[in-house]
Every structure is written in structure tokens, then in C-alpha cells.
């Protein structure tokens, strides 16, 4: 049966504990950490929505109730803002979850890897292509250009096959990424022939690292189901993609834009400063403040 080429569903694996941000994440999900005035997960959802996705599937854990509350209707807050005549703030609150956006939530009962988290959403996704977005990776499209996932959706609609976002990374950082290699397959595209999870620099087949955006065909679920657990008992998505490559082509897409690794404190601070400088209300004043510092 041919795979539909429109992407209407996105999966957000958000069950991780966020240990690199303790104690801030002791009681609050790391995905709810704010960058300027929006939590990380909202940036990812807005990116998916801008790409035409309307069904957001969150794979959560026991401590993630705040994510569900964030995308739910806050009747008391909306009533207070309406009564106070604060229409601008009311519009901001209602824009978090547009009327034509649906949200589903499923628990990942144990932390068994990214592949396992994606598999937890299989019964909701069904036999449709879907996106996977890692909220730790805050992705910003080029000035005046498309968001990263929207770029990838266009590539998927042309190819009809799985597409992974990639970027060139320094050689000393390849051990932090899944690394892909293969011949060019058109503008910004690579036909993946090898994919290796976190290789040592001397063993890396290239410096093209997978970023936290994927568009996958539903066949990936069978590959995850039939895959043995790897190191630490985890089921890695990279391993399932490698198996998928033996059945159908998989492509890497060199996106236009910038990625902030908000799973690290350094990347989180970089995103906060740079997005604050771009903020329409506070950017100019914040720039003036930064210039006043004796750095």
C-alpha cells in the first residue's frame, strides 16, 4: 500500500528526567523550562503546527503533568484575563493550543530509549507518516524563511520516504550524535548508506550529525518491535532506522536555520540570549543592557 505523503501527526518524546538541569527539573519537566517567555515544548509544537501538523502526540512520564496542563484550556485564567480586559494576554494564552489542534498523551512506563518512546505512540499514529520532534533541540529557521520541520515536510512530500534532519558537527563532537554518510541526492539531500550511533571520532563515517527532527514512515514501528535492546537495555531509534534502510531508502536533509542544544546548560543560555535579542517587545532594551555590561 503506498505511503501517504502528507504529515499530520507529530510525536514528542518528553518522558526524560532532565538530570542535567537539576535541581530545576526536580519537580518540573525540563520541556517546560522557559526560553524568554515560552517553554521549550511550545517552541517545538509551534514548529510542527507551522509545518501543517495538527495532531500532537506526547509520550510522557509520571512527572510530566505540567505539559498536559499547558496545552489544556485554563478556564479560570481566561476568565480572569477577560474580566480584567487584558485581551492581548488572553490571545496569547489561547494561542498555545489553536482550536484545530488535537493533543494526545501516552505514558512511557520505563525509560528504555528513544526508539521505545516512539513505539509507545504507534497505536495512535497508525499507518501514517509522522514527525518526531525532540524539544531539547530548539530549531529556528533562517530569517524570513521556513521553519525547519516545514522544510523537511516539503522534502518528504517529494520523496515519500523517511527524512532525518542533519547538520555538520565538529569532529570532536561526533560521539554525541547519530552520524550518517552517503552520496548527495539533490539539493540539501543525502541518500543515507550508513548510520552510526555516537561513534568515536576515528570511527565516524562523516561529520553529518542527526539533529532532533525526523519524518518517518510507519514501517519504522515494525523495525522497533523486532529490534533487540542495545547497551543499557535501551531500544535506540538509530538502530531501527539502520534496519529500515535495508527495506526502503532513508534520506538526510541538511536544513537551513540554527539548532540550539537546550539539553545542555550552555545551549539553553545561548538560546535564551539570542531569542531575547530577537524578541519584538524586549529585544532592543535587552541589547542595550548587554552592551552596558563590562564583559
C-alpha atoms as a PDB file:
ATOM      1  CA  UNK A   1       0.000   0.000   0.000  1.00  0.00           C
ATOM      2  CA  UNK A   2       1.509   3.402  -0.932  1.00  0.00           C
ATOM      3  CA  UNK A   3       2.507   5.675   1.941  1.00  0.00           C
ATOM      4  CA  UNK A   4       0.508   8.938   2.177  1.00  0.00           C
ATOM      5  CA  UNK A   5       2.780  11.916   1.629  1.00  0.00           C
ATOM      6  CA  UNK A   6       1.150  14.440   3.946  1.00  0.00           C
ATOM      7  CA  UNK A   7       2.374  14.652   7.545  1.00  0.00           C
ATOM      8  CA  UNK A   8      -0.432  15.401  10.003  1.00  0.00           C
ATOM      9  CA  UNK A   9       0.865  13.804  13.215  1.00  0.00           C
ATOM     10  CA  UNK A  10       3.903  14.591  15.349  1.00  0.00           C
ATOM     11  CA  UNK A  11       5.328  12.623  18.264  1.00  0.00           C
ATOM     12  CA  UNK A  12       7.089  14.406  21.127  1.00  0.00           C
ATOM     13  CA  UNK A  13       9.115  12.080  23.403  1.00  0.00           C
ATOM     14  CA  UNK A  14       9.014  14.006  26.684  1.00  0.00           C
ATOM     15  CA  UNK A  15       9.429  11.315  29.339  1.00  0.00           C
ATOM     16  CA  UNK A  16      13.083  12.052  30.174  1.00  0.00           C
ATOM     17  CA  UNK A  17      14.118  13.159  33.653  1.00  0.00           C
ATOM     18  CA  UNK A  18      16.251  16.158  32.668  1.00  0.00           C
ATOM     19  CA  UNK A  19      19.018  15.315  35.129  1.00  0.00           C
ATOM     20  CA  UNK A  20      21.442  17.813  33.553  1.00  0.00           C
ATOM     21  CA  UNK A  21      19.221  20.637  34.818  1.00  0.00           C
ATOM     22  CA  UNK A  22      18.744  19.523  38.411  1.00  0.00           C
ATOM     23  CA  UNK A  23      17.539  20.925  40.728  1.00  0.00           C
ATOM     24  CA  UNK A  24      15.358  22.978  38.333  1.00  0.00           C
ATOM     25  CA  UNK A  25      13.844  19.773  36.931  1.00  0.00           C
ATOM     26  CA  UNK A  26      13.279  18.037  40.282  1.00  0.00           C
ATOM     27  CA  UNK A  27       9.566  18.846  40.198  1.00  0.00           C
ATOM     28  CA  UNK A  28       9.108  20.483  36.781  1.00  0.00           C
ATOM     29  CA  UNK A  29       9.585  18.850  33.348  1.00  0.00           C
ATOM     30  CA  UNK A  30      12.699  20.001  31.511  1.00  0.00           C
ATOM     31  CA  UNK A  31      10.477  20.617  28.474  1.00  0.00           C
ATOM     32  CA  UNK A  32       8.681  23.319  30.475  1.00  0.00           C
ATOM     33  CA  UNK A  33      11.865  25.333  31.054  1.00  0.00           C
ATOM     34  CA  UNK A  34      11.182  28.768  29.543  1.00  0.00           C
ATOM     35  CA  UNK A  35      13.282  30.349  26.831  1.00  0.00           C
ATOM     36  CA  UNK A  36      12.345  34.039  27.221  1.00  0.00           C
ATOM     37  CA  UNK A  37       8.564  33.671  27.590  1.00  0.00           C
ATOM     38  CA  UNK A  38       7.690  30.247  26.162  1.00  0.00           C
ATOM     39  CA  UNK A  39       8.584  26.735  27.361  1.00  0.00           C
ATOM     40  CA  UNK A  40      10.764  24.555  25.164  1.00  0.00           C
ATOM     41  CA  UNK A  41       7.894  22.217  24.296  1.00  0.00           C
ATOM     42  CA  UNK A  42       5.815  25.101  22.958  1.00  0.00           C
ATOM     43  CA  UNK A  43       8.546  26.080  20.506  1.00  0.00           C
ATOM     44  CA  UNK A  44       8.537  22.510  19.176  1.00  0.00           C
ATOM     45  CA  UNK A  45       4.743  22.338  18.936  1.00  0.00           C
ATOM     46  CA  UNK A  46       4.599  25.686  17.133  1.00  0.00           C
ATOM     47  CA  UNK A  47       7.198  24.433  14.662  1.00  0.00           C
ATOM     48  CA  UNK A  48       5.105  21.322  13.982  1.00  0.00           C
ATOM     49  CA  UNK A  49       1.926  23.357  13.615  1.00  0.00           C
ATOM     50  CA  UNK A  50       3.618  25.690  11.115  1.00  0.00           C
ATOM     51  CA  UNK A  51       4.521  22.588   9.066  1.00  0.00           C
ATOM     52  CA  UNK A  52       0.865  21.557   8.770  1.00  0.00           C
ATOM     53  CA  UNK A  53       0.774  19.084  11.669  1.00  0.00           C
ATOM     54  CA  UNK A  54      -2.493  19.138  13.587  1.00  0.00           C
ATOM     55  CA  UNK A  55      -2.269  16.087  15.856  1.00  0.00           C
ATOM     56  CA  UNK A  56       0.353  16.349  18.604  1.00  0.00           C
ATOM     57  CA  UNK A  57       1.180  13.118  20.466  1.00  0.00           C
ATOM     58  CA  UNK A  58       3.130  13.489  23.720  1.00  0.00           C
ATOM     59  CA  UNK A  59       4.932  10.442  25.125  1.00  0.00           C
ATOM     60  CA  UNK A  60       5.113  11.385  28.788  1.00  0.00           C
ATOM     61  CA  UNK A  61       6.195  10.032  32.150  1.00  0.00           C
ATOM     62  CA  UNK A  62       4.970  10.223  35.731  1.00  0.00           C
ATOM     63  CA  UNK A  63       6.287  13.745  36.400  1.00  0.00           C
ATOM     64  CA  UNK A  64       5.047  15.397  33.205  1.00  0.00           C
ATOM     65  CA  UNK A  65       1.536  16.528  34.119  1.00  0.00           C
ATOM     66  CA  UNK A  66       2.529  20.178  33.616  1.00  0.00           C
ATOM     67  CA  UNK A  67       2.898  19.569  29.857  1.00  0.00           C
ATOM     68  CA  UNK A  68      -0.670  18.319  29.596  1.00  0.00           C
ATOM     69  CA  UNK A  69      -1.907  21.253  31.677  1.00  0.00           C
ATOM     70  CA  UNK A  70      -0.008  23.709  29.470  1.00  0.00           C
ATOM     71  CA  UNK A  71      -1.880  22.626  26.346  1.00  0.00           C
ATOM     72  CA  UNK A  72      -5.240  22.326  28.109  1.00  0.00           C
ATOM     73  CA  UNK A  73      -7.793  25.123  28.425  1.00  0.00           C
ATOM     74  CA  UNK A  74      -7.205  27.249  31.553  1.00  0.00           C
ATOM     75  CA  UNK A  75     -10.765  28.388  32.216  1.00  0.00           C
ATOM     76  CA  UNK A  76     -10.024  30.279  35.446  1.00  0.00           C
ATOM     77  CA  UNK A  77      -7.064  32.150  33.929  1.00  0.00           C
ATOM     78  CA  UNK A  78      -9.012  33.027  30.787  1.00  0.00           C
ATOM     79  CA  UNK A  79     -11.954  34.286  32.866  1.00  0.00           C
ATOM     80  CA  UNK A  80      -9.672  36.494  34.967  1.00  0.00           C
ATOM     81  CA  UNK A  81      -7.978  37.986  31.892  1.00  0.00           C
ATOM     82  CA  UNK A  82     -11.316  38.561  30.176  1.00  0.00           C
ATOM     83  CA  UNK A  83     -12.779  40.263  33.249  1.00  0.00           C
ATOM     84  CA  UNK A  84      -9.691  42.472  33.549  1.00  0.00           C
ATOM     85  CA  UNK A  85      -9.903  43.494  29.903  1.00  0.00           C
ATOM     86  CA  UNK A  86      -6.462  42.042  29.145  1.00  0.00           C
ATOM     87  CA  UNK A  87      -7.298  40.926  25.630  1.00  0.00           C
ATOM     88  CA  UNK A  88      -3.701  40.777  24.405  1.00  0.00           C
ATOM     89  CA  UNK A  89      -2.715  38.358  27.169  1.00  0.00           C
ATOM     90  CA  UNK A  90      -5.909  36.359  26.615  1.00  0.00           C
ATOM     91  CA  UNK A  91      -4.973  35.955  22.954  1.00  0.00           C
ATOM     92  CA  UNK A  92      -1.503  34.745  23.955  1.00  0.00           C
ATOM     93  CA  UNK A  93      -2.956  32.126  26.301  1.00  0.00           C
ATOM     94  CA  UNK A  94      -5.490  30.860  23.754  1.00  0.00           C
ATOM     95  CA  UNK A  95      -2.855  30.672  21.001  1.00  0.00           C
ATOM     96  CA  UNK A  96      -0.972  27.961  22.931  1.00  0.00           C
ATOM     97  CA  UNK A  97      -3.462  25.371  21.630  1.00  0.00           C
ATOM     98  CA  UNK A  98      -5.359  26.529  18.496  1.00  0.00           C
ATOM     99  CA  UNK A  99      -8.885  25.208  18.011  1.00  0.00           C
ATOM    100  CA  UNK A 100      -7.863  22.976  15.096  1.00  0.00           C
ATOM    101  CA  UNK A 101      -5.048  21.275  17.039  1.00  0.00           C
ATOM    102  CA  UNK A 102      -5.603  17.942  18.793  1.00  0.00           C
ATOM    103  CA  UNK A 103      -3.399  16.618  21.595  1.00  0.00           C
ATOM    104  CA  UNK A 104      -2.991  13.009  22.724  1.00  0.00           C
ATOM    105  CA  UNK A 105      -0.962  11.706  25.657  1.00  0.00           C
ATOM    106  CA  UNK A 106       0.528   8.273  26.262  1.00  0.00           C
ATOM    107  CA  UNK A 107       2.812   7.106  29.075  1.00  0.00           C
ATOM    108  CA  UNK A 108       6.226   5.544  28.577  1.00  0.00           C
ATOM    109  CA  UNK A 109       6.228   3.250  31.631  1.00  0.00           C
ATOM    110  CA  UNK A 110      10.013   2.768  31.733  1.00  0.00           C
ATOM    111  CA  UNK A 111      12.928   4.726  30.304  1.00  0.00           C
ATOM    112  CA  UNK A 112      14.002   2.293  27.575  1.00  0.00           C
ATOM    113  CA  UNK A 113      15.365   4.630  24.920  1.00  0.00           C
ATOM    114  CA  UNK A 114      14.130   6.914  22.170  1.00  0.00           C
ATOM    115  CA  UNK A 115      13.059   4.040  19.950  1.00  0.00           C
ATOM    116  CA  UNK A 116      10.869   2.648  22.705  1.00  0.00           C
ATOM    117  CA  UNK A 117       9.352   6.087  23.332  1.00  0.00           C
ATOM    118  CA  UNK A 118       8.402   6.386  19.655  1.00  0.00           C
ATOM    119  CA  UNK A 119       6.924   2.868  19.704  1.00  0.00           C
ATOM    120  CA  UNK A 120       4.666   3.870  22.628  1.00  0.00           C
ATOM    121  CA  UNK A 121       2.825   6.168  20.166  1.00  0.00           C
ATOM    122  CA  UNK A 122       2.348   3.514  17.453  1.00  0.00           C
ATOM    123  CA  UNK A 123      -1.298   2.767  18.285  1.00  0.00           C
ATOM    124  CA  UNK A 124      -2.145   6.468  17.993  1.00  0.00           C
ATOM    125  CA  UNK A 125      -0.111   7.190  14.851  1.00  0.00           C
ATOM    126  CA  UNK A 126      -1.382   4.155  12.938  1.00  0.00           C
ATOM    127  CA  UNK A 127      -0.313   3.561   9.327  1.00  0.00           C
ATOM    128  CA  UNK A 128       0.545   7.173   8.574  1.00  0.00           C
ATOM    129  CA  UNK A 129       3.836   9.022   8.158  1.00  0.00           C
ATOM    130  CA  UNK A 130       4.682  11.099  11.210  1.00  0.00           C
ATOM    131  CA  UNK A 131       7.209  13.556  12.561  1.00  0.00           C
ATOM    132  CA  UNK A 132       9.314  13.157  15.691  1.00  0.00           C
ATOM    133  CA  UNK A 133      10.494  16.319  17.427  1.00  0.00           C
ATOM    134  CA  UNK A 134      12.894  16.398  20.379  1.00  0.00           C
ATOM    135  CA  UNK A 135      12.063  19.504  22.393  1.00  0.00           C
ATOM    136  CA  UNK A 136      15.648  19.656  23.732  1.00  0.00           C
ATOM    137  CA  UNK A 137      16.645  20.769  20.234  1.00  0.00           C
ATOM    138  CA  UNK A 138      15.208  24.230  19.727  1.00  0.00           C
ATOM    139  CA  UNK A 139      15.268  24.745  15.950  1.00  0.00           C
ATOM    140  CA  UNK A 140      14.925  28.149  14.308  1.00  0.00           C
ATOM    141  CA  UNK A 141      14.534  28.586  10.560  1.00  0.00           C
ATOM    142  CA  UNK A 142      16.512  31.193   8.607  1.00  0.00           C
ATOM    143  CA  UNK A 143      15.387  34.851   8.811  1.00  0.00           C
ATOM    144  CA  UNK A 144      12.305  35.221   6.646  1.00  0.00           C
ATOM    145  CA  UNK A 145      12.432  31.522   5.717  1.00  0.00           C
ATOM    146  CA  UNK A 146      10.524  28.365   6.614  1.00  0.00           C
ATOM    147  CA  UNK A 147      10.750  26.629   9.981  1.00  0.00           C
ATOM    148  CA  UNK A 148      12.932  23.516   9.908  1.00  0.00           C
ATOM    149  CA  UNK A 149      10.132  20.929  10.024  1.00  0.00           C
ATOM    150  CA  UNK A 150       8.261  22.706   7.220  1.00  0.00           C
ATOM    151  CA  UNK A 151      11.406  22.387   5.079  1.00  0.00           C
ATOM    152  CA  UNK A 152      11.526  18.670   5.856  1.00  0.00           C
ATOM    153  CA  UNK A 153       7.845  18.136   5.077  1.00  0.00           C
ATOM    154  CA  UNK A 154       8.418  19.575   1.610  1.00  0.00           C
ATOM    155  CA  UNK A 155      11.298  17.136   1.096  1.00  0.00           C
ATOM    156  CA  UNK A 156       9.184  14.219   2.349  1.00  0.00           C
ATOM    157  CA  UNK A 157       6.287  15.099   0.068  1.00  0.00           C
ATOM    158  CA  UNK A 158       8.687  14.931  -2.866  1.00  0.00           C
ATOM    159  CA  UNK A 159      10.463  11.717  -1.786  1.00  0.00           C
ATOM    160  CA  UNK A 160       7.785   9.709   0.024  1.00  0.00           C
ATOM    161  CA  UNK A 161      10.499   8.243   2.267  1.00  0.00           C
ATOM    162  CA  UNK A 162      11.838   8.891   5.763  1.00  0.00           C
ATOM    163  CA  UNK A 163      13.845  12.088   6.201  1.00  0.00           C
ATOM    164  CA  UNK A 164      16.233  12.961   9.051  1.00  0.00           C
ATOM    165  CA  UNK A 165      17.470  16.465   9.820  1.00  0.00           C
ATOM    166  CA  UNK A 166      21.276  16.675   9.829  1.00  0.00           C
ATOM    167  CA  UNK A 167      23.968  19.261  10.385  1.00  0.00           C
ATOM    168  CA  UNK A 168      27.751  19.183  10.066  1.00  0.00           C
ATOM    169  CA  UNK A 169      29.318  18.962  13.525  1.00  0.00           C
ATOM    170  CA  UNK A 170      32.931  19.362  14.717  1.00  0.00           C
ATOM    171  CA  UNK A 171      34.919  16.126  14.672  1.00  0.00           C
ATOM    172  CA  UNK A 172      35.426  16.196  18.434  1.00  0.00           C
ATOM    173  CA  UNK A 173      31.618  16.228  18.912  1.00  0.00           C
ATOM    174  CA  UNK A 174      30.605  13.298  16.665  1.00  0.00           C
ATOM    175  CA  UNK A 175      30.417  10.987  19.680  1.00  0.00           C
ATOM    176  CA  UNK A 176      27.352  12.991  20.811  1.00  0.00           C
ATOM    177  CA  UNK A 177      25.299  12.279  17.662  1.00  0.00           C
ATOM    178  CA  UNK A 178      23.989   9.674  15.311  1.00  0.00           C
ATOM    179  CA  UNK A 179      26.247  10.128  12.274  1.00  0.00           C
ATOM    180  CA  UNK A 180      25.117   9.488   8.685  1.00  0.00           C
ATOM    181  CA  UNK A 181      27.044   9.046   5.467  1.00  0.00           C
ATOM    182  CA  UNK A 182      26.119   8.615   1.807  1.00  0.00           C
ATOM    183  CA  UNK A 183      26.071  10.302  -1.589  1.00  0.00           C
ATOM    184  CA  UNK A 184      24.305  13.551  -2.375  1.00  0.00           C
ATOM    185  CA  UNK A 185      20.762  13.033  -3.642  1.00  0.00           C
ATOM    186  CA  UNK A 186      19.886  16.563  -4.699  1.00  0.00           C
ATOM    187  CA  UNK A 187      19.852  19.987  -3.123  1.00  0.00           C
ATOM    188  CA  UNK A 188      20.419  19.598   0.657  1.00  0.00           C
ATOM    189  CA  UNK A 189      19.700  15.841   0.494  1.00  0.00           C
ATOM    190  CA  UNK A 190      21.870  12.804   1.247  1.00  0.00           C
ATOM    191  CA  UNK A 191      20.879   9.225   0.466  1.00  0.00           C
ATOM    192  CA  UNK A 192      21.903   7.529   3.704  1.00  0.00           C
ATOM    193  CA  UNK A 193      24.051   4.432   3.264  1.00  0.00           C
ATOM    194  CA  UNK A 194      25.412   4.282   6.821  1.00  0.00           C
ATOM    195  CA  UNK A 195      24.145   5.487  10.168  1.00  0.00           C
ATOM    196  CA  UNK A 196      26.172   5.020  13.348  1.00  0.00           C
ATOM    197  CA  UNK A 197      25.104   5.978  16.858  1.00  0.00           C
ATOM    198  CA  UNK A 198      27.658   8.128  18.718  1.00  0.00           C
ATOM    199  CA  UNK A 199      30.862   6.866  17.072  1.00  0.00           C
ATOM    200  CA  UNK A 200      34.368   7.665  18.248  1.00  0.00           C
ATOM    201  CA  UNK A 201      35.916  10.424  16.084  1.00  0.00           C
ATOM    202  CA  UNK A 202      38.335   7.998  14.437  1.00  0.00           C
ATOM    203  CA  UNK A 203      35.462   5.653  13.502  1.00  0.00           C
ATOM    204  CA  UNK A 204      32.933   8.247  12.311  1.00  0.00           C
ATOM    205  CA  UNK A 205      31.934   7.807   8.643  1.00  0.00           C
ATOM    206  CA  UNK A 206      31.362  11.571   8.296  1.00  0.00           C
ATOM    207  CA  UNK A 207      30.647  14.670  10.368  1.00  0.00           C
ATOM    208  CA  UNK A 208      26.932  14.848   9.464  1.00  0.00           C
ATOM    209  CA  UNK A 209      25.090  14.584  12.790  1.00  0.00           C
ATOM    210  CA  UNK A 210      21.386  13.854  13.179  1.00  0.00           C
ATOM    211  CA  UNK A 211      19.503  16.716  14.831  1.00  0.00           C
ATOM    212  CA  UNK A 212      16.272  16.282  16.762  1.00  0.00           C
ATOM    213  CA  UNK A 213      13.830  16.255  13.831  1.00  0.00           C
ATOM    214  CA  UNK A 214      12.630  13.186  11.923  1.00  0.00           C
ATOM    215  CA  UNK A 215       9.873  12.357   9.451  1.00  0.00           C
ATOM    216  CA  UNK A 216       9.329   8.604   9.426  1.00  0.00           C
ATOM    217  CA  UNK A 217       7.212   6.142   7.501  1.00  0.00           C
ATOM    218  CA  UNK A 218       5.058   3.815   9.652  1.00  0.00           C
ATOM    219  CA  UNK A 219       7.276   0.829   8.747  1.00  0.00           C
ATOM    220  CA  UNK A 220       9.666   2.070  11.417  1.00  0.00           C
ATOM    221  CA  UNK A 221       7.332   0.614  14.072  1.00  0.00           C
ATOM    222  CA  UNK A 222       7.921  -2.955  12.852  1.00  0.00           C
ATOM    223  CA  UNK A 223      11.659  -2.368  12.929  1.00  0.00           C
ATOM    224  CA  UNK A 224      11.496  -1.118  16.515  1.00  0.00           C
ATOM    225  CA  UNK A 225       9.277  -4.034  17.613  1.00  0.00           C
ATOM    226  CA  UNK A 226      11.688  -6.600  16.165  1.00  0.00           C
ATOM    227  CA  UNK A 227      14.823  -4.929  17.449  1.00  0.00           C
ATOM    228  CA  UNK A 228      16.758  -6.323  20.427  1.00  0.00           C
ATOM    229  CA  UNK A 229      17.679  -3.953  23.210  1.00  0.00           C
ATOM    230  CA  UNK A 230      21.125  -2.403  22.953  1.00  0.00           C
ATOM    231  CA  UNK A 231      23.541  -1.084  25.545  1.00  0.00           C
ATOM    232  CA  UNK A 232      21.914  -0.357  28.890  1.00  0.00           C
ATOM    233  CA  UNK A 233      18.796  -2.238  27.824  1.00  0.00           C
ATOM    234  CA  UNK A 234      17.689   0.693  25.647  1.00  0.00           C
ATOM    235  CA  UNK A 235      15.978   0.469  22.265  1.00  0.00           C
ATOM    236  CA  UNK A 236      17.553   3.117  20.078  1.00  0.00           C
ATOM    237  CA  UNK A 237      15.758   4.838  17.218  1.00  0.00           C
ATOM    238  CA  UNK A 238      19.050   4.998  15.287  1.00  0.00           C
ATOM    239  CA  UNK A 239      19.269   1.196  15.266  1.00  0.00           C
ATOM    240  CA  UNK A 240      15.705   0.919  13.956  1.00  0.00           C
ATOM    241  CA  UNK A 241      16.472   3.435  11.200  1.00  0.00           C
ATOM    242  CA  UNK A 242      19.509   1.355  10.200  1.00  0.00           C
ATOM    243  CA  UNK A 243      17.223  -1.682   9.872  1.00  0.00           C
ATOM    244  CA  UNK A 244      14.641   0.352   7.961  1.00  0.00           C
ATOM    245  CA  UNK A 245      17.347   1.274   5.433  1.00  0.00           C
ATOM    246  CA  UNK A 246      17.545  -2.383   4.377  1.00  0.00           C
ATOM    247  CA  UNK A 247      13.864  -2.247   3.361  1.00  0.00           C
ATOM    248  CA  UNK A 248      13.458   1.247   1.919  1.00  0.00           C
ATOM    249  CA  UNK A 249      15.514   4.365   1.258  1.00  0.00           C
ATOM    250  CA  UNK A 250      16.118   6.857   4.026  1.00  0.00           C
ATOM    251  CA  UNK A 251      17.349  10.387   3.387  1.00  0.00           C
ATOM    252  CA  UNK A 252      19.164  13.050   5.394  1.00  0.00           C
ATOM    253  CA  UNK A 253      18.198  16.687   4.933  1.00  0.00           C
ATOM    254  CA  UNK A 254      20.691  19.489   5.553  1.00  0.00           C
ATOM    255  CA  UNK A 255      18.274  22.056   6.928  1.00  0.00           C
ATOM    256  CA  UNK A 256      18.561  25.825   6.752  1.00  0.00           C
ATOM    257  CA  UNK A 257      18.472  27.504  10.129  1.00  0.00           C
ATOM    258  CA  UNK A 258      20.008  27.124  13.571  1.00  0.00           C
ATOM    259  CA  UNK A 259      19.811  24.472  16.281  1.00  0.00           C
ATOM    260  CA  UNK A 260      20.216  25.221  19.974  1.00  0.00           C
ATOM    261  CA  UNK A 261      21.113  22.216  22.117  1.00  0.00           C
ATOM    262  CA  UNK A 262      18.872  23.078  25.051  1.00  0.00           C
ATOM    263  CA  UNK A 263      19.622  19.738  26.647  1.00  0.00           C
ATOM    264  CA  UNK A 264      22.848  21.414  27.770  1.00  0.00           C
ATOM    265  CA  UNK A 265      23.086  24.472  30.007  1.00  0.00           C
ATOM    266  CA  UNK A 266      25.353  26.244  27.549  1.00  0.00           C
ATOM    267  CA  UNK A 267      22.962  25.732  24.641  1.00  0.00           C
ATOM    268  CA  UNK A 268      19.986  26.741  26.770  1.00  0.00           C
ATOM    269  CA  UNK A 269      21.679  30.009  27.741  1.00  0.00           C
ATOM    270  CA  UNK A 270      22.667  30.695  24.126  1.00  0.00           C
ATOM    271  CA  UNK A 271      19.054  30.225  23.021  1.00  0.00           C
ATOM    272  CA  UNK A 272      17.784  32.468  25.809  1.00  0.00           C
ATOM    273  CA  UNK A 273      20.137  35.325  24.916  1.00  0.00           C
ATOM    274  CA  UNK A 274      19.753  35.115  21.144  1.00  0.00           C
ATOM    275  CA  UNK A 275      15.967  34.730  21.153  1.00  0.00           C
ATOM    276  CA  UNK A 276      15.681  37.545  23.707  1.00  0.00           C
ATOM    277  CA  UNK A 277      17.583  39.803  21.307  1.00  0.00           C
ATOM    278  CA  UNK A 278      15.076  38.896  18.576  1.00  0.00           C
ATOM    279  CA  UNK A 279      12.002  39.417  20.785  1.00  0.00           C
ATOM    280  CA  UNK A 280       9.739  42.112  19.293  1.00  0.00           C
ATOM    281  CA  UNK A 281       8.889  43.744  22.640  1.00  0.00           C
ATOM    282  CA  UNK A 282      12.057  43.402  24.685  1.00  0.00           C
ATOM    283  CA  UNK A 283      14.837  42.855  22.130  1.00  0.00           C
ATOM    284  CA  UNK A 284      16.020  46.464  21.835  1.00  0.00           C
ATOM    285  CA  UNK A 285      16.105  47.083  25.587  1.00  0.00           C
ATOM    286  CA  UNK A 286      17.868  43.786  26.239  1.00  0.00           C
ATOM    287  CA  UNK A 287      20.505  44.595  23.611  1.00  0.00           C
ATOM    288  CA  UNK A 288      21.142  47.928  25.321  1.00  0.00           C
ATOM    289  CA  UNK A 289      21.502  46.148  28.660  1.00  0.00           C
ATOM    290  CA  UNK A 290      24.011  43.642  27.274  1.00  0.00           C
ATOM    291  CA  UNK A 291      26.114  46.446  25.821  1.00  0.00           C
ATOM    292  CA  UNK A 292      26.252  48.069  29.245  1.00  0.00           C
ATOM    293  CA  UNK A 293      27.891  45.023  30.835  1.00  0.00           C
ATOM    294  CA  UNK A 294      31.618  45.028  31.487  1.00  0.00           C
ATOM    295  CA  UNK A 295      32.393  41.693  29.839  1.00  0.00           C
END
